[in-house]
Amino acid sequence: MLRSVFGEFLSKGVHSNGGNKSMHCLYMMTNTVHTGQSHCSPRSFFGVEDYLDDDNSRPYTYQKEKKSKNPQKHISFKQRTIAFMEPFTLDVFISKRFVQASLTHRVTCKQVAVSGTNSKDIKAALKSRCDIPACLAVGRILADRAREADVYTASYTPRARDKFEGKVRAVVQSLIDNGIDVKVYLD
């Protein structure tokens, strides 16, 4: 409908007056209608700068690369060599139903010794699979298996949600009492 009205206006305007004024007016209106942009208003309220990142090289839709707060940060010798100086880590997992502990080699990511209350040899001997005596039994059996694999030291860092108390402490203390030197790193 709009096109037919403009078509009639264009045909009448062009043939009657020579069409300079009507053609110019018609061009402005059709340009405004079809592109959806107004000729008087700017493209953006804040200008083009709000669409680009800090160095004005990429549009804002791309993720900015993460820049280090201190790019000349020095990594200490201990941080570089701890995986080789203390190669074995202790991992303790305690759920509502069972307790499991393992010693893992940091560099090769292989488990050297594993013990848990779900295994057949421990399951039959325990009254409960998740109490303190079960944790002590898991620590004792893990220490025996670690000595068989010639592992005498390990390091333990509690997970973010774990506290070094109760059942976790019982497993680590049982390992220490049975001859495995465990270094505990608390934050």
Protein backbone atom coordinates (compact mmCIF):
# COMPACT_ATOMS: atom_id res chain seq x y z
CA MET A 1 0.00 0.00 0.00
CA LEU A 2 2.78 2.40 0.90
CA ARG A 3 4.60 1.55 -2.29
CA SER A 4 1.50 2.27 -4.41
CA VAL A 5 1.00 5.68 -2.75
CA PHE A 6 4.62 6.61 -3.35
CA GLY A 7 4.42 5.26 -6.87
CA GLU A 8 1.47 7.52 -7.71
CA PHE A 9 3.16 10.49 -6.08
CA LEU A 10 6.38 9.79 -7.94
CA SER A 11 4.67 9.46 -11.30
CA LYS A 12 2.59 12.62 -10.78
CA GLY A 13 5.44 14.62 -9.28
CA VAL A 14 8.00 13.73 -11.92
CA HIS A 15 5.71 14.47 -14.88
CA SER A 16 4.03 17.63 -13.61
CA ASN A 17 6.73 19.99 -12.21
CA GLY A 18 9.93 18.66 -13.60
CA GLY A 19 10.25 16.73 -10.32
CA ASN A 20 13.33 18.19 -8.58
CA LYS A 21 11.66 18.98 -5.25
CA SER A 22 9.30 16.03 -5.19
CA MET A 23 12.05 13.61 -6.20
CA HIS A 24 14.34 14.86 -3.43
CA CYS A 25 11.62 14.61 -0.81
CA LEU A 26 10.63 11.17 -1.98
CA TYR A 27 14.25 9.95 -1.94
CA MET A 28 14.70 11.05 1.69
CA MET A 29 11.54 9.31 2.82
CA THR A 30 12.22 6.03 1.02
CA ASN A 31 15.81 5.98 2.19
CA THR A 32 14.65 6.49 5.76
CA VAL A 33 11.93 3.87 5.55
CA HIS A 34 13.98 1.12 3.92
CA THR A 35 17.24 1.32 5.88
CA GLY A 36 15.63 1.95 9.24
CA GLN A 37 18.13 4.70 10.11
CA SER A 38 17.38 8.33 10.71
CA HIS A 39 19.65 10.82 8.98
CA CYS A 40 19.69 13.31 11.83
CA SER A 41 20.51 11.12 14.83
CA PRO A 42 23.97 9.71 15.51
CA ARG A 43 24.65 5.97 15.21
CA SER A 44 25.14 5.45 18.91
CA PHE A 45 24.40 7.43 22.02
CA PHE A 46 27.98 7.10 23.28
CA GLY A 47 29.63 7.01 19.87
CA VAL A 48 31.65 4.23 18.30
CA GLU A 49 34.04 3.87 21.24
CA ASP A 50 31.57 1.84 23.30
CA TYR A 51 31.58 -0.90 20.67
CA LEU A 52 35.34 -1.48 20.77
CA ASP A 53 37.61 -2.80 23.49
CA ASP A 54 40.50 -0.97 25.15
CA ASP A 55 42.95 -1.01 22.27
CA ASN A 56 40.15 -0.42 19.69
CA SER A 57 41.16 -3.44 17.64
CA ARG A 58 38.23 -5.80 18.11
CA PRO A 59 34.47 -5.44 18.56
CA TYR A 60 33.03 -5.78 22.04
CA THR A 61 31.43 -9.15 21.27
CA TYR A 62 34.73 -11.03 21.39
CA GLN A 63 36.09 -12.13 24.74
CA LYS A 64 39.01 -10.12 25.94
CA GLU A 65 42.18 -12.06 26.57
CA LYS A 66 43.08 -12.39 30.20
CA LYS A 67 46.08 -10.29 31.04
CA SER A 68 48.18 -11.16 34.03
CA LYS A 69 48.22 -8.60 36.81
CA ASN A 70 51.96 -9.01 37.07
CA PRO A 71 53.45 -10.21 33.77
CA GLN A 72 56.99 -10.31 35.18
CA LYS A 73 55.96 -12.62 38.00
CA HIS A 74 58.79 -14.85 39.12
CA ILE A 75 58.11 -18.57 39.59
CA SER A 76 60.23 -19.84 42.43
CA PHE A 77 62.49 -22.87 42.29
CA LYS A 78 60.23 -24.72 44.71
CA GLN A 79 57.17 -24.11 42.53
CA ARG A 80 59.01 -25.45 39.48
CA THR A 81 60.45 -28.54 41.15
CA ILE A 82 57.85 -29.64 43.72
CA ALA A 83 56.39 -32.25 41.38
CA PHE A 84 59.79 -33.94 41.22
CA MET A 85 60.88 -33.44 44.84
CA GLU A 86 57.60 -34.74 46.28
CA PRO A 87 56.32 -37.00 43.50
CA PHE A 88 53.56 -38.82 45.40
CA THR A 89 50.30 -37.26 46.51
CA LEU A 90 47.65 -38.64 48.81
CA ASP A 91 44.02 -38.39 47.78
CA VAL A 92 41.31 -39.15 50.33
CA PHE A 93 37.64 -39.42 49.37
CA ILE A 94 35.00 -39.86 52.05
CA SER A 95 31.33 -40.28 51.23
CA LYS A 96 28.33 -41.27 53.33
CA ARG A 97 28.81 -44.94 52.42
CA PHE A 98 32.53 -45.58 52.02
CA VAL A 99 36.09 -44.28 52.45
CA GLN A 100 38.74 -44.45 49.74
CA ALA A 101 42.38 -43.32 49.71
CA SER A 102 45.10 -43.55 47.06
CA LEU A 103 48.70 -42.56 46.45
CA THR A 104 49.29 -41.10 42.98
CA HIS A 105 52.52 -40.26 41.18
CA ARG A 106 52.35 -36.61 40.11
CA VAL A 107 54.39 -36.78 36.95
CA THR A 108 53.02 -39.99 35.42
CA CYS A 109 49.54 -39.74 37.04
CA LYS A 110 49.59 -43.45 37.93
CA GLN A 111 48.10 -44.75 41.14
CA VAL A 112 50.75 -46.57 43.13
CA ALA A 113 48.58 -47.81 45.99
CA VAL A 114 44.82 -47.81 46.51
CA SER A 115 42.72 -48.76 49.49
CA GLY A 116 39.02 -48.45 50.19
CA THR A 117 36.25 -49.88 52.31
CA ASN A 118 34.40 -51.16 49.22
CA SER A 119 37.08 -53.78 48.48
CA LYS A 120 36.27 -57.39 49.40
CA ASP A 121 39.11 -57.91 51.88
CA ILE A 122 38.19 -54.89 54.01
CA LYS A 123 34.41 -55.01 53.60
CA ALA A 124 33.98 -58.29 55.47
CA ALA A 125 36.15 -57.29 58.43
CA LEU A 126 34.48 -53.96 59.19
CA LYS A 127 31.32 -53.31 61.11
CA SER A 128 30.70 -50.00 59.30
CA ARG A 129 32.32 -48.73 56.10
CA CYS A 130 32.36 -45.00 56.91
CA ASP A 131 33.27 -44.50 60.56
CA ILE A 132 36.60 -43.70 62.24
CA PRO A 133 37.78 -47.33 62.66
CA ALA A 134 37.15 -47.82 58.92
CA CYS A 135 39.31 -44.76 58.18
CA LEU A 136 42.09 -46.15 60.39
CA ALA A 137 41.90 -49.51 58.58
CA VAL A 138 42.08 -47.81 55.17
CA GLY A 139 45.17 -45.85 56.27
CA ARG A 140 46.88 -48.98 57.64
CA ILE A 141 46.25 -51.04 54.48
CA LEU A 142 47.29 -48.13 52.23
CA ALA A 143 50.55 -47.81 54.17
CA ASP A 144 51.28 -51.53 53.70
CA ARG A 145 50.61 -51.33 49.96
CA ALA A 146 52.70 -48.16 49.63
CA ARG A 147 55.68 -49.81 51.35
CA GLU A 148 55.37 -52.75 48.93
CA ALA A 149 55.65 -50.23 46.06
CA ASP A 150 58.69 -48.54 47.72
CA VAL A 151 56.86 -45.32 48.52
CA TYR A 152 57.74 -43.84 51.90
CA THR A 153 56.81 -40.16 51.51
CA ALA A 154 53.73 -38.38 50.24
CA SER A 155 52.17 -34.95 50.33
CA TYR A 156 48.55 -34.15 51.08
CA THR A 157 46.62 -30.97 50.33
CA PRO A 158 42.97 -31.03 51.42
CA ARG A 159 40.35 -30.18 48.83
CA ALA A 160 38.62 -26.83 49.02
CA ARG A 161 35.53 -28.22 50.74
CA ASP A 162 37.41 -30.57 53.11
CA LYS A 163 38.65 -29.63 56.54
CA PHE A 164 41.62 -31.44 58.05
CA GLU A 165 39.72 -32.99 60.91
CA GLY A 166 37.70 -36.05 61.77
CA LYS A 167 37.81 -38.87 59.22
CA VAL A 168 40.34 -37.24 56.90
CA ARG A 169 42.70 -36.67 59.78
CA ALA A 170 42.22 -40.28 60.91
CA VAL A 171 43.32 -41.60 57.49
CA VAL A 172 46.39 -39.35 57.38
CA GLN A 173 47.33 -40.10 61.00
CA SER A 174 47.02 -43.84 60.34
CA LEU A 175 49.40 -43.50 57.39
CA ILE A 176 51.91 -41.62 59.54
CA ASP A 177 51.65 -44.17 62.37
CA ASN A 178 52.31 -47.02 59.93
CA GLY A 179 55.56 -45.61 58.54
CA ILE A 180 54.61 -43.29 55.64
CA ASP A 181 55.87 -39.72 56.01
CA VAL A 182 52.98 -37.45 54.94
CA LYS A 183 53.50 -33.71 54.56
CA VAL A 184 50.22 -31.88 55.00
CA TYR A 185 49.88 -28.52 53.23
CA LEU A 186 47.11 -26.40 54.77
CA ASP A 187 46.18 -23.05 53.25
